[in-house]
Amino acid sequence: MIESYAFFAAFAVQILILSVVNPTVLARYVRSWKTNFASERVTQLYAGLDYSRWAKRFATRFRAANLVVALLGALLLGRMYNLTRQPDWAGDVSKLTLMYFFLQMSPLILLVLYSVVRHHKALKQMVQRSQEAKRTATLQRRGLFDFVSPSIVILAIASYVLFIPFAIYVDLHVYKNASLSKYCYQAIGAVTLVYALNAFIIYKCLYGRKNPLVNQAGRVYTMGMTVKSGIYSGIATVWFISITAFVTKLQLENWRPFALSIFLVISALLGFMGVIAAPRKPEVDGPASSDTTAGTVERLD
């Protein structure tokens, strides 16, 4: 039963981090965003908006939604306790854990979708009118190695390149399959998809069109956090799938829900890396001064 107790502890941490801590940190980030990263165009676009009041209202509603999700997680934990008393409980518990993770992410996903739909037209018109998105002189062009060391990039590439023969070897020689199974193809496909998606996001962040609502400090900061979280999450995915392959072979399937919950927490923390590490400044309403912006860029460099 030690596997089930370890999972209960990991799932409790998952509820605490993803539905309590991360939403609180994100709400604080939103409240201080205008001071830290907003450009003057935010004031132009939302001239009649009291940002401080809006941010407080957003924080209250967002944390309330996540609190409901946390309570549902506590109820689900009781349901899982009954499932662990049954044989072959690991598969059902793993599915519930993954489903609950998507439920935990749903408030954030809905927030992003709402923001895209709500502000897409205004942003598109602003980008068309502004030449800022086409100029590069105001901000030194950044490259991948400005934010992560070459050794980390090499590790990420090597992890993916070596994972393919590793998955084939495990499938043919460890599991003694006569030919490659669908699980091997699924594992390689999942890792490839994660790497391709992260590479696309990193490329768009580094070389894509600038967001006119964000100042120079915000652009540098966003680039750094996007690059780091993308590369680290790719490495984490490769190693998680590799480890779980041996967990199954060693007849430790009951440890899979524990490993899955820990992996989901680590992945979420990597995704929230930029928010967690966001610089803190007094939350005053109004655009940051040029001196403040320049100083922030210096520190982020």
Protein backbone atom coordinates (compact mmCIF):
# COMPACT_ATOMS: atom_id res chain seq x y z
CA MET A 1 0.00 0.00 0.00
CA ILE A 2 2.99 2.32 0.12
CA GLU A 3 2.44 3.11 -3.57
CA SER A 4 -1.10 4.36 -2.88
CA TYR A 5 0.03 6.49 0.08
CA ALA A 6 2.80 7.99 -2.04
CA PHE A 7 0.23 8.79 -4.73
CA PHE A 8 -2.16 10.40 -2.23
CA ALA A 9 0.65 12.67 -1.05
CA ALA A 10 1.62 13.55 -4.65
CA PHE A 11 -2.00 14.21 -5.64
CA ALA A 12 -2.49 16.45 -2.59
CA VAL A 13 0.59 18.40 -3.71
CA GLN A 14 -0.88 18.58 -7.22
CA ILE A 15 -4.07 20.11 -5.86
CA LEU A 16 -2.17 22.57 -3.67
CA ILE A 17 0.31 23.72 -6.34
CA LEU A 18 -1.93 23.83 -9.41
CA SER A 19 -5.22 24.98 -7.86
CA VAL A 20 -4.06 27.16 -4.95
CA VAL A 21 -0.45 28.35 -5.28
CA ASN A 22 -0.17 28.88 -9.04
CA PRO A 23 -3.49 30.80 -9.33
CA THR A 24 -2.44 33.06 -6.46
CA VAL A 25 0.92 33.76 -8.10
CA LEU A 26 -0.76 34.35 -11.47
CA ALA A 27 -3.23 36.79 -9.92
CA ARG A 28 -0.35 38.72 -8.35
CA TYR A 29 1.44 38.73 -11.71
CA VAL A 30 -1.63 40.17 -13.45
CA ARG A 31 -1.97 42.91 -10.81
CA SER A 32 1.63 44.00 -11.32
CA TRP A 33 1.78 43.46 -15.09
CA LYS A 34 0.95 47.03 -16.06
CA THR A 35 3.68 48.40 -13.82
CA ASN A 36 6.32 45.90 -14.96
CA PHE A 37 5.68 45.19 -18.63
CA ALA A 38 2.91 47.33 -20.16
CA SER A 39 3.78 49.75 -22.97
CA GLU A 40 2.23 53.17 -23.42
CA ARG A 41 -0.15 51.67 -25.97
CA VAL A 42 -2.03 49.91 -23.16
CA THR A 43 -3.03 53.32 -21.84
CA GLN A 44 -4.01 54.41 -25.35
CA LEU A 45 -6.08 51.30 -26.00
CA TYR A 46 -7.80 51.23 -22.60
CA ALA A 47 -7.94 54.92 -21.75
CA GLY A 48 -11.08 54.58 -19.63
CA LEU A 49 -10.06 51.41 -17.79
CA ASP A 50 -9.11 51.39 -14.12
CA TYR A 51 -6.54 48.62 -14.41
CA SER A 52 -6.00 48.17 -10.67
CA ARG A 53 -9.71 47.68 -10.07
CA TRP A 54 -10.03 45.31 -13.04
CA ALA A 55 -7.00 43.28 -11.89
CA LYS A 56 -8.39 42.87 -8.38
CA ARG A 57 -11.74 41.73 -9.75
CA PHE A 58 -9.99 39.28 -12.08
CA ALA A 59 -7.87 37.92 -9.22
CA THR A 60 -10.93 37.32 -7.05
CA ARG A 61 -12.85 35.48 -9.76
CA PHE A 62 -9.89 33.47 -11.01
CA ARG A 63 -8.95 32.26 -7.53
CA ALA A 64 -12.58 31.44 -6.78
CA ALA A 65 -12.81 29.26 -9.90
CA ASN A 66 -9.63 27.44 -8.96
CA LEU A 67 -10.84 27.01 -5.39
CA VAL A 68 -13.88 25.18 -6.75
CA VAL A 69 -11.54 22.95 -8.76
CA ALA A 70 -9.47 22.31 -5.62
CA LEU A 71 -12.59 21.23 -3.71
CA LEU A 72 -13.49 18.88 -6.55
CA GLY A 73 -9.98 17.48 -6.29
CA ALA A 74 -10.47 16.78 -2.60
CA LEU A 75 -13.67 14.88 -3.41
CA LEU A 76 -11.89 13.01 -6.18
CA LEU A 77 -9.16 12.05 -3.73
CA GLY A 78 -11.78 10.28 -1.63
CA ARG A 79 -13.01 8.45 -4.72
CA MET A 80 -9.47 7.40 -5.56
CA TYR A 81 -8.97 6.06 -2.04
CA ASN A 82 -11.76 3.57 -2.69
CA LEU A 83 -10.29 2.65 -6.08
CA THR A 84 -6.89 1.80 -4.57
CA ARG A 85 -8.53 -1.00 -2.59
CA GLN A 86 -9.29 -2.77 -5.85
CA PRO A 87 -6.82 -4.85 -7.89
CA ASP A 88 -5.32 -3.20 -10.96
CA TRP A 89 -6.27 0.23 -9.64
CA ALA A 90 -3.31 2.05 -11.20
CA GLY A 91 -4.84 2.37 -14.67
CA ASP A 92 -8.13 3.90 -13.50
CA VAL A 93 -6.41 6.24 -11.07
CA SER A 94 -3.95 7.40 -13.73
CA LYS A 95 -6.81 8.28 -16.08
CA LEU A 96 -8.61 10.23 -13.35
CA THR A 97 -5.40 12.04 -12.45
CA LEU A 98 -4.84 13.12 -16.05
CA MET A 99 -8.47 14.19 -16.45
CA TYR A 100 -8.29 16.23 -13.27
CA PHE A 101 -5.11 17.91 -14.49
CA PHE A 102 -6.96 19.18 -17.57
CA LEU A 103 -9.75 20.37 -15.29
CA GLN A 104 -7.16 22.28 -13.26
CA MET A 105 -5.86 23.92 -16.43
CA SER A 106 -9.35 24.78 -17.72
CA PRO A 107 -9.68 28.18 -15.94
CA LEU A 108 -6.37 29.31 -17.45
CA ILE A 109 -7.24 27.92 -20.90
CA LEU A 110 -10.62 29.69 -20.85
CA LEU A 111 -8.89 32.90 -19.76
CA VAL A 112 -6.46 32.72 -22.69
CA LEU A 113 -9.23 31.97 -25.19
CA TYR A 114 -11.33 34.83 -23.84
CA SER A 115 -8.39 37.23 -24.08
CA VAL A 116 -7.65 36.20 -27.67
CA VAL A 117 -11.27 36.61 -28.79
CA ARG A 118 -11.86 39.77 -26.75
CA HIS A 119 -8.76 41.67 -27.83
CA HIS A 120 -7.85 40.15 -31.21
CA LYS A 121 -9.53 42.81 -33.33
CA ALA A 122 -8.11 45.72 -31.33
CA LEU A 123 -4.61 44.22 -31.35
CA LYS A 124 -4.77 43.54 -35.09
CA GLN A 125 -5.72 47.14 -35.81
CA MET A 126 -2.99 48.41 -33.53
CA VAL A 127 -0.31 46.26 -35.16
CA GLN A 128 -1.39 47.42 -38.60
CA ARG A 129 -1.10 51.07 -37.56
CA SER A 130 2.12 50.66 -35.68
CA GLN A 131 5.55 50.38 -37.24
CA GLU A 132 7.01 49.20 -33.96
CA ALA A 133 6.38 45.58 -34.87
CA LYS A 134 8.61 45.95 -37.94
CA ARG A 135 11.55 47.71 -36.28
CA THR A 136 14.34 45.89 -34.51
CA ALA A 137 16.54 48.85 -33.55
CA THR A 138 14.63 49.52 -30.32
CA LEU A 139 15.50 46.09 -28.94
CA GLN A 140 18.63 44.11 -29.65
CA ARG A 141 17.73 40.90 -31.46
CA ARG A 142 17.99 37.99 -29.10
CA GLY A 143 19.07 34.46 -29.85
CA LEU A 144 18.52 31.12 -28.20
CA PHE A 145 21.84 31.15 -26.34
CA ASP A 146 21.06 34.51 -24.78
CA PHE A 147 18.67 32.71 -22.43
CA VAL A 148 19.96 29.15 -22.05
CA SER A 149 23.45 27.72 -22.19
CA PRO A 150 24.57 25.66 -25.21
CA SER A 151 25.01 22.63 -22.94
CA ILE A 152 21.28 22.66 -22.06
CA VAL A 153 20.34 22.90 -25.74
CA ILE A 154 22.69 20.01 -26.54
CA LEU A 155 21.15 17.98 -23.71
CA ALA A 156 17.65 18.65 -25.06
CA ILE A 157 18.60 17.64 -28.62
CA ALA A 158 20.55 14.59 -27.46
CA SER A 159 17.64 13.48 -25.26
CA TYR A 160 15.31 13.47 -28.25
CA VAL A 161 17.77 11.88 -30.69
CA LEU A 162 18.68 9.11 -28.24
CA PHE A 163 15.09 8.54 -27.18
CA ILE A 164 14.08 7.11 -30.56
CA PRO A 165 16.58 4.19 -30.60
CA PHE A 166 16.00 3.77 -26.85
CA ALA A 167 12.24 3.36 -27.37
CA ILE A 168 12.81 0.89 -30.20
CA TYR A 169 15.32 -1.11 -28.14
CA VAL A 170 13.01 -1.29 -25.12
CA ASP A 171 10.07 -2.36 -27.27
CA LEU A 172 11.96 -5.08 -29.15
CA HIS A 173 14.45 -6.39 -26.57
CA VAL A 174 13.11 -5.52 -23.14
CA TYR A 175 9.45 -6.27 -23.84
CA LYS A 176 10.38 -9.00 -26.37
CA ASN A 177 7.96 -7.84 -29.06
CA ALA A 178 8.39 -9.36 -32.50
CA SER A 179 7.80 -5.97 -34.12
CA LEU A 180 7.31 -2.43 -32.93
CA SER A 181 4.11 -2.05 -30.95
CA LYS A 182 1.66 0.83 -31.12
CA TYR A 183 2.91 2.02 -27.71
CA CYS A 184 6.37 2.57 -29.15
CA TYR A 185 4.97 4.64 -32.00
CA GLN A 186 2.77 6.57 -29.58
CA ALA A 187 5.71 7.36 -27.30
CA ILE A 188 7.89 8.56 -30.18
CA GLY A 189 4.98 10.54 -31.62
CA ALA A 190 4.19 12.18 -28.28
CA VAL A 191 7.79 13.26 -27.71
CA THR A 192 8.10 14.51 -31.30
CA LEU A 193 4.90 16.52 -30.93
CA VAL A 194 6.11 18.11 -27.68
CA TYR A 195 9.46 19.06 -29.21
CA ALA A 196 7.88 20.38 -32.41
CA LEU A 197 5.35 22.47 -30.51
CA ASN A 198 7.98 23.89 -28.16
CA ALA A 199 10.30 24.66 -31.09
CA PHE A 200 7.50 26.52 -32.88
CA ILE A 201 6.59 28.54 -29.78
CA ILE A 202 10.24 29.41 -29.08
CA TYR A 203 10.83 30.46 -32.70
CA LYS A 204 7.72 32.65 -32.77
CA CYS A 205 8.69 34.23 -29.47
CA LEU A 206 12.25 35.01 -30.58
CA TYR A 207 11.65 36.04 -34.20
CA GLY A 208 7.92 36.63 -34.55
CA ARG A 209 6.00 39.89 -34.56
CA LYS A 210 6.29 41.96 -31.42
CA ASN A 211 3.37 42.50 -29.09
CA PRO A 212 2.73 46.27 -29.10
CA LEU A 213 1.18 46.10 -25.62
CA VAL A 214 4.45 44.97 -24.01
CA ASN A 215 7.48 47.16 -23.41
CA GLN A 216 11.09 46.19 -24.07
CA ALA A 217 11.58 44.73 -20.60
CA GLY A 218 8.47 42.60 -21.07
CA ARG A 219 9.67 41.28 -24.42
CA VAL A 220 13.07 40.26 -23.07
CA TYR A 221 11.48 38.68 -20.02
CA THR A 222 8.88 36.78 -22.06
CA MET A 223 11.55 35.48 -24.43
CA GLY A 224 13.70 34.18 -21.61
CA MET A 225 10.90 32.40 -19.77
CA THR A 226 9.41 30.93 -22.97
CA VAL A 227 12.76 29.53 -24.10
CA LYS A 228 13.58 28.05 -20.69
CA SER A 229 10.19 26.48 -20.03
CA GLY A 230 10.02 25.06 -23.57
CA ILE A 231 13.43 23.39 -23.45
CA TYR A 232 13.12 22.12 -19.89
CA SER A 233 9.63 20.72 -20.46
CA GLY A 234 10.89 18.81 -23.51
CA ILE A 235 13.68 17.23 -21.49
CA ALA A 236 11.24 16.39 -18.67
CA THR A 237 8.85 14.68 -21.11
CA VAL A 238 11.59 12.48 -22.59
CA TRP A 239 12.86 11.36 -19.21
CA PHE A 240 9.39 10.76 -17.79
CA ILE A 241 8.36 8.47 -20.67
CA SER A 242 11.72 6.67 -20.50
CA ILE A 243 11.42 6.01 -16.77
CA THR A 244 7.81 4.83 -16.94
CA ALA A 245 8.81 2.28 -19.58
CA PHE A 246 11.04 0.53 -17.04
CA VAL A 247 8.52 1.00 -14.24
CA THR A 248 6.08 -1.15 -16.20
CA LYS A 249 8.71 -3.76 -17.04
CA LEU A 250 9.81 -4.05 -13.41
CA GLN A 251 6.18 -4.73 -12.45
CA LEU A 252 5.88 -1.46 -10.61
CA GLU A 253 2.70 -0.35 -12.36
CA ASN A 254 1.19 0.78 -9.06
CA TRP A 255 3.85 3.51 -8.91
CA ARG A 256 2.68 4.97 -12.23
CA PRO A 257 -0.05 7.24 -10.75
CA PHE A 258 2.52 8.68 -8.33
CA ALA A 259 5.02 9.31 -11.15
CA LEU A 260 2.29 10.81 -13.36
CA SER A 261 1.14 13.23 -10.67
CA ILE A 262 4.70 14.37 -9.96
CA PHE A 263 5.35 14.82 -13.68
CA LEU A 264 2.20 16.93 -14.09
CA VAL A 265 3.22 19.15 -11.18
CA ILE A 266 6.73 19.61 -12.62
CA SER A 267 5.31 20.36 -16.08
CA ALA A 268 2.92 22.95 -14.64
CA LEU A 269 5.71 24.59 -12.67
CA LEU A 270 7.83 24.78 -15.82
CA GLY A 271 4.92 26.33 -17.67
CA PHE A 272 4.43 28.85 -14.87
CA MET A 273 8.15 29.56 -14.64
CA GLY A 274 7.76 33.02 -16.13
CA VAL A 275 4.97 33.94 -13.74
CA ILE A 276 6.65 32.54 -10.64
CA ALA A 277 9.93 34.31 -11.37
CA ALA A 278 8.28 37.58 -12.39
CA PRO A 279 9.96 40.65 -10.89
CA ARG A 280 8.01 42.26 -8.09
CA LYS A 281 7.39 45.97 -8.00
CA PRO A 282 4.94 48.19 -6.17
CA GLU A 283 1.54 47.81 -7.79
CA VAL A 284 0.87 51.38 -8.85
CA ASP A 285 -1.56 52.19 -11.61
CA GLY A 286 0.04 53.79 -14.64
CA PRO A 287 2.72 53.05 -17.25
CA ALA A 288 6.27 52.46 -16.14
CA SER A 289 8.72 55.25 -16.81
CA SER A 290 11.43 54.92 -19.41
CA ASP A 291 14.10 54.91 -16.69
CA THR A 292 12.40 52.04 -14.91
CA THR A 293 12.04 50.11 -18.16
CA ALA A 294 15.69 50.55 -19.05
CA GLY A 295 16.77 49.42 -15.61
CA THR A 296 14.64 46.30 -15.86
CA VAL A 297 16.15 45.41 -19.24
CA GLU A 298 19.62 45.77 -17.76
CA ARG A 299 18.86 43.37 -14.95
CA LEU A 300 17.16 40.85 -17.24
CA ASP A 301 20.17 40.81 -19.54
